Protein backbone atom coordinates (compact mmCIF):
# COMPACT_ATOMS: atom_id res chain seq x y z
CA MET A 1 42.69 166.03 16.53
CA GLY A 2 40.61 169.34 17.41
CA SER A 3 39.15 170.61 21.25
CA ILE A 4 35.55 169.20 21.89
CA ASP A 5 34.34 172.65 21.51
CA GLU A 6 35.02 172.37 17.77
CA GLU A 7 33.81 168.94 17.67
CA LEU A 8 30.24 170.24 18.97
CA ARG A 9 30.57 172.82 16.58
CA LEU A 10 30.69 171.08 13.76
CA ASP A 11 28.09 168.76 14.84
CA ALA A 12 25.45 172.08 15.36
CA GLU A 13 26.54 172.91 11.67
CA GLN A 14 25.42 169.21 10.65
CA ASP A 15 23.08 169.22 12.22
CA GLU A 16 21.31 172.42 11.05
CA ARG A 17 22.35 171.12 7.22
CA GLU A 18 20.21 168.58 8.16
CA GLN A 19 17.39 170.01 9.44
CA GLU A 20 17.85 172.08 6.50
CA TYR A 21 17.36 169.78 4.07
CA ILE A 22 14.63 167.08 5.65
CA SER A 23 12.23 170.77 5.31
CA GLN A 24 13.69 171.49 2.19
CA HIS A 25 12.62 167.45 0.94
CA LEU A 26 8.75 167.49 2.92
CA PRO A 27 6.03 167.11 0.19
CA ALA A 28 4.54 170.81 0.33
CA GLU A 29 1.38 169.74 2.43
CA LEU A 30 3.95 169.06 5.38
CA LYS A 31 6.39 171.91 4.78
CA GLU A 32 4.16 173.72 7.30
CA THR A 33 3.35 170.62 9.14
CA PHE A 34 6.28 170.46 10.72
CA SER A 35 8.35 173.25 13.73
CA ARG A 36 12.17 173.17 12.80
CA ASP A 37 12.05 172.14 16.70
CA ASP A 38 9.89 169.59 15.27
CA ILE A 39 12.18 167.92 13.38
CA PHE A 40 15.05 168.57 15.45
CA TYR A 41 13.30 166.07 17.94
CA MET A 42 12.53 163.76 15.03
CA MET A 43 16.43 163.62 14.53
CA ASP A 44 16.95 162.49 17.62
CA THR A 45 14.58 160.23 18.16
CA ILE A 46 15.66 157.91 14.90
CA VAL A 47 19.10 158.06 16.35
CA GLU A 48 18.12 156.98 19.47
CA TYR A 49 15.72 154.02 17.23
CA TYR A 50 18.43 153.01 15.09
CA TYR A 51 20.54 152.34 17.93
CA GLU A 52 17.85 150.26 19.74
CA SER A 53 16.70 148.74 17.31
CA GLY A 54 20.38 147.19 16.71
CA VAL A 55 19.95 147.72 13.02
CA LEU A 56 23.02 149.10 12.54
CA ASP A 57 24.73 145.78 14.78
CA THR A 58 25.62 144.57 11.37
CA ASP A 59 28.51 143.31 9.20
CA SER A 60 27.30 144.06 6.13
CA ASP A 61 27.59 147.42 4.09
CA GLU A 62 23.70 147.07 3.37
CA VAL A 63 21.89 148.37 6.36
CA ASP A 64 18.15 147.33 5.80
CA VAL A 65 15.70 150.14 7.19
CA ASP A 66 12.22 149.57 7.65
CA LEU A 67 10.62 153.76 7.39
CA GLN A 68 7.50 152.67 8.83
CA GLN A 69 8.49 151.21 12.06
CA VAL A 70 11.05 153.88 12.75
CA ALA A 71 7.99 156.63 11.76
CA GLU A 72 6.02 154.61 14.34
CA TYR A 73 8.69 154.62 16.82
CA VAL A 74 9.17 158.40 16.70
CA CYS A 75 5.32 159.16 16.92
CA ARG A 76 4.95 156.56 20.03
CA ARG A 77 7.90 158.52 21.59
CA ALA A 78 6.53 161.96 21.01
CA ALA A 79 3.53 160.68 22.54
CA GLU A 80 5.43 159.06 25.23
CA ASP A 81 7.54 162.83 25.21
CA LYS A 82 4.34 164.88 25.56
CA VAL A 83 6.53 166.42 22.30
CA GLY A 84 3.63 165.67 20.07
CA HIS A 85 0.72 164.08 18.09
CA PHE A 86 2.40 163.05 15.03
CA LEU A 87 1.10 161.20 12.05
CA PRO A 88 3.07 158.07 11.13
CA ASP A 89 1.99 158.39 7.19
CA ASP A 90 3.60 162.42 7.98
CA VAL A 91 6.84 161.32 9.77
CA PHE A 92 7.36 158.62 7.08
CA PHE A 93 8.41 161.32 4.86
CA VAL A 94 11.06 163.27 7.23
CA ALA A 95 12.69 159.32 8.12
CA GLN A 96 12.81 158.94 4.30
CA ALA A 97 14.41 162.79 4.00
CA ASP A 98 16.97 161.87 6.92
CA LEU A 99 18.18 158.79 5.60
CA ASP A 100 18.26 160.50 2.30
CA PHE A 101 20.46 162.93 3.86
CA GLN A 102 22.83 160.11 5.93
CA GLU A 103 23.63 158.29 2.80
CA GLN A 104 24.43 161.73 0.69
CA GLU A 105 27.26 162.20 3.27
CA ILE A 106 28.40 159.18 3.44
CA SER A 107 28.64 158.63 0.07
């Protein structure tokens, strides 16, 4: 088993890869809309949504994720946290790319 520092380093590297993946897979008109920090915030908030919503609490291999609900949650939290004002239709693409990245990592 690796040290906690090693685990943190590996997590940070994965987060960097995920952020890059999301940035690269956004539609052209959105590539300049979200900063690197915005995407990291959204990644964290998406994970928070998955845990709080209970969507991961299933015995099935198939998880049904409503990306529109994810996007709306991220927008609501960003406004509450005073991080920014994001549009759900734009955040939808971030949530989709995040899910695609996660599915790619599992495969």
